[in-house]
Amino acid sequence: MFAQEAPTPCPYCGETITLLVDTSVLPQDYIEDCHVCCQPIEVAVTGTKDEFSLAVRTQDE
């Protein structure tokens, strides 16, 4: 498994949380709860395994 840390601000509380992104499966979409306020965050990850370039974004619903 290839993993990369991605510091991301929570769209609900504004706190910076660190997401651990599995770069062996791209692209991917998943829901992860904020570690601070527990609200669900939609995460979309794009990039390539060879270059490990990632774009991580969060969206509140």
PDB file of N, CA and C in Angstrom:
ATOM      1  N   MET A   1       0.839  -1.181   0.000  1.00  0.00           N
ATOM      2  CA  MET A   1       0.000   0.000   0.000  1.00  0.00           C
ATOM      3  C   MET A   1       0.882   1.241   0.000  1.00  0.00           C
ATOM      4  N   PHE A   2       0.551   2.165  -0.838  1.00  0.00           N
ATOM      5  CA  PHE A   2       1.230   3.451  -0.868  1.00  0.00           C
ATOM      6  C   PHE A   2       0.320   4.451  -0.177  1.00  0.00           C
ATOM      7  N   ALA A   3       0.851   5.226   0.731  1.00  0.00           N
ATOM      8  CA  ALA A   3       0.028   6.193   1.449  1.00  0.00           C
ATOM      9  C   ALA A   3       0.756   7.522   1.527  1.00  0.00           C
ATOM     10  N   GLN A   4      -0.037   8.574   1.502  1.00  0.00           N
ATOM     11  CA  GLN A   4       0.514   9.923   1.608  1.00  0.00           C
ATOM     12  C   GLN A   4      -0.383  10.725   2.541  1.00  0.00           C
ATOM     13  N   GLU A   5       0.238  11.493   3.432  1.00  0.00           N
ATOM     14  CA  GLU A   5      -0.523  12.356   4.321  1.00  0.00           C
ATOM     15  C   GLU A   5      -0.953  13.606   3.572  1.00  0.00           C
ATOM     16  N   ALA A   6      -2.180  14.040   3.815  1.00  0.00           N
ATOM     17  CA  ALA A   6      -2.712  15.237   3.165  1.00  0.00           C
ATOM     18  C   ALA A   6      -3.401  16.111   4.215  1.00  0.00           C
ATOM     19  N   PRO A   7      -2.705  17.147   4.732  1.00  0.00           N
ATOM     20  CA  PRO A   7      -3.349  18.067   5.666  1.00  0.00           C
ATOM     21  C   PRO A   7      -4.464  18.823   4.940  1.00  0.00           C
ATOM     22  N   THR A   8      -5.660  18.830   5.523  1.00  0.00           N
ATOM     23  CA  THR A   8      -6.843  19.383   4.872  1.00  0.00           C
ATOM     24  C   THR A   8      -7.701  20.112   5.890  1.00  0.00           C
ATOM     25  N   PRO A   9      -8.181  21.314   5.571  1.00  0.00           N
ATOM     26  CA  PRO A   9      -9.095  21.989   6.494  1.00  0.00           C
ATOM     27  C   PRO A   9     -10.488  21.372   6.415  1.00  0.00           C
ATOM     28  N   CYS A  10     -11.119  21.182   7.561  1.00  0.00           N
ATOM     29  CA  CYS A  10     -12.485  20.672   7.617  1.00  0.00           C
ATOM     30  C   CYS A  10     -13.433  21.768   7.127  1.00  0.00           C
ATOM     31  N   PRO A  11     -14.361  21.447   6.210  1.00  0.00           N
ATOM     32  CA  PRO A  11     -15.297  22.460   5.715  1.00  0.00           C
ATOM     33  C   PRO A  11     -16.343  22.861   6.751  1.00  0.00           C
ATOM     34  N   TYR A  12     -16.462  22.125   7.845  1.00  0.00           N
ATOM     35  CA  TYR A  12     -17.436  22.435   8.884  1.00  0.00           C
ATOM     36  C   TYR A  12     -16.838  23.302   9.995  1.00  0.00           C
ATOM     37  N   CYS A  13     -15.739  22.814  10.610  1.00  0.00           N
ATOM     38  CA  CYS A  13     -15.186  23.515  11.780  1.00  0.00           C
ATOM     39  C   CYS A  13     -13.939  24.321  11.456  1.00  0.00           C
ATOM     40  N   GLY A  14     -13.325  24.102  10.276  1.00  0.00           N
ATOM     41  CA  GLY A  14     -12.148  24.860   9.879  1.00  0.00           C
ATOM     42  C   GLY A  14     -10.830  24.343  10.427  1.00  0.00           C
ATOM     43  N   GLU A  15     -10.873  23.350  11.307  1.00  0.00           N
ATOM     44  CA  GLU A  15      -9.635  22.788  11.849  1.00  0.00           C
ATOM     45  C   GLU A  15      -8.905  21.997  10.768  1.00  0.00           C
ATOM     46  N   THR A  16      -7.578  22.017  10.801  1.00  0.00           N
ATOM     47  CA  THR A  16      -6.799  21.227   9.858  1.00  0.00           C
ATOM     48  C   THR A  16      -6.705  19.802  10.372  1.00  0.00           C
ATOM     49  N   ILE A  17      -7.125  18.859   9.534  1.00  0.00           N
ATOM     50  CA  ILE A  17      -7.012  17.448   9.874  1.00  0.00           C
ATOM     51  C   ILE A  17      -6.069  16.804   8.868  1.00  0.00           C
ATOM     52  N   THR A  18      -5.465  15.703   9.236  1.00  0.00           N
ATOM     53  CA  THR A  18      -4.550  15.001   8.341  1.00  0.00           C
ATOM     54  C   THR A  18      -5.231  13.738   7.842  1.00  0.00           C
ATOM     55  N   LEU A  19      -5.423  13.673   6.517  1.00  0.00           N
ATOM     56  CA  LEU A  19      -5.989  12.484   5.895  1.00  0.00           C
ATOM     57  C   LEU A  19      -4.843  11.607   5.409  1.00  0.00           C
ATOM     58  N   LEU A  20      -4.960  10.304   5.609  1.00  0.00           N
ATOM     59  CA  LEU A  20      -3.982   9.358   5.094  1.00  0.00           C
ATOM     60  C   LEU A  20      -4.586   8.771   3.827  1.00  0.00           C
ATOM     61  N   VAL A  21      -4.035   9.142   2.669  1.00  0.00           N
ATOM     62  CA  VAL A  21      -4.589   8.797   1.372  1.00  0.00           C
ATOM     63  C   VAL A  21      -3.853   7.592   0.792  1.00  0.00           C
ATOM     64  N   ASP A  22      -4.610   6.557   0.429  1.00  0.00           N
ATOM     65  CA  ASP A  22      -4.057   5.374  -0.224  1.00  0.00           C
ATOM     66  C   ASP A  22      -3.852   5.693  -1.695  1.00  0.00           C
ATOM     67  N   THR A  23      -2.616   5.844  -2.127  1.00  0.00           N
ATOM     68  CA  THR A  23      -2.325   6.225  -3.508  1.00  0.00           C
ATOM     69  C   THR A  23      -2.217   5.032  -4.449  1.00  0.00           C
ATOM     70  N   SER A  24      -2.438   3.819  -3.958  1.00  0.00           N
ATOM     71  CA  SER A  24      -2.373   2.638  -4.827  1.00  0.00           C
ATOM     72  C   SER A  24      -3.671   2.446  -5.607  1.00  0.00           C
ATOM     73  N   VAL A  25      -4.735   3.157  -5.226  1.00  0.00           N
ATOM     74  CA  VAL A  25      -6.012   3.057  -5.915  1.00  0.00           C
ATOM     75  C   VAL A  25      -6.481   4.465  -6.256  1.00  0.00           C
ATOM     76  N   LEU A  26      -6.263   4.871  -7.511  1.00  0.00           N
ATOM     77  CA  LEU A  26      -6.643   6.214  -7.937  1.00  0.00           C
ATOM     78  C   LEU A  26      -7.416   6.143  -9.241  1.00  0.00           C
ATOM     79  N   PRO A  27      -8.407   6.962  -9.490  1.00  0.00           N
ATOM     80  CA  PRO A  27      -8.985   7.921  -8.554  1.00  0.00           C
ATOM     81  C   PRO A  27      -9.883   7.217  -7.543  1.00  0.00           C
ATOM     82  N   GLN A  28     -10.253   7.932  -6.506  1.00  0.00           N
ATOM     83  CA  GLN A  28     -11.150   7.382  -5.500  1.00  0.00           C
ATOM     84  C   GLN A  28     -11.976   8.484  -4.856  1.00  0.00           C
ATOM     85  N   ASP A  29     -13.145   8.116  -4.393  1.00  0.00           N
ATOM     86  CA  ASP A  29     -14.043   8.992  -3.642  1.00  0.00           C
ATOM     87  C   ASP A  29     -14.467   8.238  -2.392  1.00  0.00           C
ATOM     88  N   TYR A  30     -14.439   8.914  -1.267  1.00  0.00           N
ATOM     89  CA  TYR A  30     -14.881   8.270  -0.040  1.00  0.00           C
ATOM     90  C   TYR A  30     -15.330   9.317   0.964  1.00  0.00           C
ATOM     91  N   ILE A  31     -15.974   8.860   2.028  1.00  0.00           N
ATOM     92  CA  ILE A  31     -16.434   9.732   3.108  1.00  0.00           C
ATOM     93  C   ILE A  31     -15.582   9.447   4.336  1.00  0.00           C
ATOM     94  N   GLU A  32     -15.062  10.511   4.941  1.00  0.00           N
ATOM     95  CA  GLU A  32     -14.303  10.378   6.188  1.00  0.00           C
ATOM     96  C   GLU A  32     -14.809  11.420   7.171  1.00  0.00           C
ATOM     97  N   ASP A  33     -15.000  11.008   8.418  1.00  0.00           N
ATOM     98  CA  ASP A  33     -15.454  11.941   9.442  1.00  0.00           C
ATOM     99  C   ASP A  33     -14.306  12.827   9.904  1.00  0.00           C
ATOM    100  N   CYS A  34     -14.617  14.094  10.162  1.00  0.00           N
ATOM    101  CA  CYS A  34     -13.640  15.014  10.735  1.00  0.00           C
ATOM    102  C   CYS A  34     -13.208  14.487  12.095  1.00  0.00           C
ATOM    103  N   HIS A  35     -11.920  14.515  12.367  1.00  0.00           N
ATOM    104  CA  HIS A  35     -11.375  14.021  13.632  1.00  0.00           C
ATOM    105  C   HIS A  35     -11.690  14.954  14.792  1.00  0.00           C
ATOM    106  N   VAL A  36     -12.131  16.183  14.481  1.00  0.00           N
ATOM    107  CA  VAL A  36     -12.414  17.170  15.521  1.00  0.00           C
ATOM    108  C   VAL A  36     -13.919  17.268  15.794  1.00  0.00           C
ATOM    109  N   CYS A  37     -14.716  17.544  14.742  1.00  0.00           N
ATOM    110  CA  CYS A  37     -16.149  17.780  14.945  1.00  0.00           C
ATOM    111  C   CYS A  37     -17.042  16.604  14.538  1.00  0.00           C
ATOM    112  N   CYS A  38     -16.459  15.553  13.977  1.00  0.00           N
ATOM    113  CA  CYS A  38     -17.152  14.314  13.613  1.00  0.00           C
ATOM    114  C   CYS A  38     -18.151  14.452  12.467  1.00  0.00           C
ATOM    115  N   GLN A  39     -18.114  15.549  11.711  1.00  0.00           N
ATOM    116  CA  GLN A  39     -18.997  15.715  10.564  1.00  0.00           C
ATOM    117  C   GLN A  39     -18.444  14.919   9.376  1.00  0.00           C
ATOM    118  N   PRO A  40     -19.323  14.374   8.520  1.00  0.00           N
ATOM    119  CA  PRO A  40     -18.849  13.610   7.362  1.00  0.00           C
ATOM    120  C   PRO A  40     -18.300  14.530   6.278  1.00  0.00           C
ATOM    121  N   ILE A  41     -17.156  14.177   5.724  1.00  0.00           N
ATOM    122  CA  ILE A  41     -16.491  14.958   4.687  1.00  0.00           C
ATOM    123  C   ILE A  41     -16.359  14.077   3.448  1.00  0.00           C
ATOM    124  N   GLU A  42     -16.761  14.605   2.290  1.00  0.00           N
ATOM    125  CA  GLU A  42     -16.576  13.893   1.025  1.00  0.00           C
ATOM    126  C   GLU A  42     -15.178  14.199   0.510  1.00  0.00           C
ATOM    127  N   VAL A  43     -14.411  13.159   0.255  1.00  0.00           N
ATOM    128  CA  VAL A  43     -13.034  13.318  -0.194  1.00  0.00           C
ATOM    129  C   VAL A  43     -12.906  12.718  -1.595  1.00  0.00           C
ATOM    130  N   ALA A  44     -12.382  13.497  -2.529  1.00  0.00           N
ATOM    131  CA  ALA A  44     -12.102  13.018  -3.886  1.00  0.00           C
ATOM    132  C   ALA A  44     -10.602  13.124  -4.115  1.00  0.00           C
ATOM    133  N   VAL A  45      -9.989  12.023  -4.537  1.00  0.00           N
ATOM    134  CA  VAL A  45      -8.544  11.973  -4.729  1.00  0.00           C
ATOM    135  C   VAL A  45      -8.264  11.620  -6.183  1.00  0.00           C
ATOM    136  N   THR A  46      -7.372  12.395  -6.824  1.00  0.00           N
ATOM    137  CA  THR A  46      -6.948  12.100  -8.187  1.00  0.00           C
ATOM    138  C   THR A  46      -5.434  12.137  -8.253  1.00  0.00           C
ATOM    139  N   GLY A  47      -4.870  11.572  -9.285  1.00  0.00           N
ATOM    140  CA  GLY A  47      -3.423  11.581  -9.456  1.00  0.00           C
ATOM    141  C   GLY A  47      -2.975  10.318 -10.156  1.00  0.00           C
ATOM    142  N   THR A  48      -1.681  10.069 -10.124  1.00  0.00           N
ATOM    143  CA  THR A  48      -1.137   8.851 -10.719  1.00  0.00           C
ATOM    144  C   THR A  48      -0.239   8.152  -9.712  1.00  0.00           C
ATOM    145  N   LYS A  49      -0.206   6.822  -9.809  1.00  0.00           N
ATOM    146  CA  LYS A  49       0.675   6.071  -8.910  1.00  0.00           C
ATOM    147  C   LYS A  49       2.136   6.355  -9.201  1.00  0.00           C
ATOM    148  N   ASP A  50       2.483   6.510 -10.488  1.00  0.00           N
ATOM    149  CA  ASP A  50       3.876   6.711 -10.865  1.00  0.00           C
ATOM    150  C   ASP A  50       4.439   8.028 -10.349  1.00  0.00           C
ATOM    151  N   GLU A  51       3.651   9.073 -10.397  1.00  0.00           N
ATOM    152  CA  GLU A  51       4.137  10.397  -9.984  1.00  0.00           C
ATOM    153  C   GLU A  51       3.672  10.785  -8.598  1.00  0.00           C
ATOM    154  N   PHE A  52       2.742  10.076  -8.034  1.00  0.00           N
ATOM    155  CA  PHE A  52       2.203  10.358  -6.716  1.00  0.00           C
ATOM    156  C   PHE A  52       1.697  11.780  -6.574  1.00  0.00           C
ATOM    157  N   SER A  53       1.233  12.368  -7.694  1.00  0.00           N
ATOM    158  CA  SER A  53       0.655  13.706  -7.609  1.00  0.00           C
ATOM    159  C   SER A  53      -0.814  13.567  -7.222  1.00  0.00           C
ATOM    160  N   LEU A  54      -1.208  14.286  -6.198  1.00  0.00           N
ATOM    161  CA  LEU A  54      -2.548  14.157  -5.645  1.00  0.00           C
ATOM    162  C   LEU A  54      -3.267  15.492  -5.608  1.00  0.00           C
ATOM    163  N   ALA A  55      -4.550  15.434  -5.768  1.00  0.00           N
ATOM    164  CA  ALA A  55      -5.410  16.586  -5.505  1.00  0.00           C
ATOM    165  C   ALA A  55      -6.483  16.097  -4.551  1.00  0.00           C
ATOM    166  N   VAL A  56      -6.459  16.576  -3.345  1.00  0.00           N
ATOM    167  CA  VAL A  56      -7.422  16.164  -2.330  1.00  0.00           C
ATOM    168  C   VAL A  56      -8.317  17.339  -2.031  1.00  0.00           C
ATOM    169  N   ARG A  57      -9.632  17.118  -2.097  1.00  0.00           N
ATOM    170  CA  ARG A  57     -10.543  18.205  -1.760  1.00  0.00           C
ATOM    171  C   ARG A  57     -11.648  17.668  -0.858  1.00  0.00           C
ATOM    172  N   THR A  58     -12.173  18.530  -0.042  1.00  0.00           N
ATOM    173  CA  THR A  58     -13.276  18.155   0.831  1.00  0.00           C
ATOM    174  C   THR A  58     -14.454  19.040   0.500  1.00  0.00           C
ATOM    175  N   GLN A  59     -15.640  18.486   0.626  1.00  0.00           N
ATOM    176  CA  GLN A  59     -16.850  19.239   0.352  1.00  0.00           C
ATOM    177  C   GLN A  59     -17.883  18.901   1.397  1.00  0.00           C
ATOM    178  N   ASP A  60     -18.524  19.912   1.968  1.00  0.00           N
ATOM    179  CA  ASP A  60     -19.647  19.630   2.836  1.00  0.00           C
ATOM    180  C   ASP A  60     -20.882  19.420   1.966  1.00  0.00           C
ATOM    181  N   GLU A  61     -21.803  18.603   2.451  1.00  0.00           N
ATOM    182  CA  GLU A  61     -22.982  18.267   1.654  1.00  0.00           C
ATOM    183  C   GLU A  61     -24.123  19.208   1.925  1.00  0.00           C
TER     184      GLU A  61
END
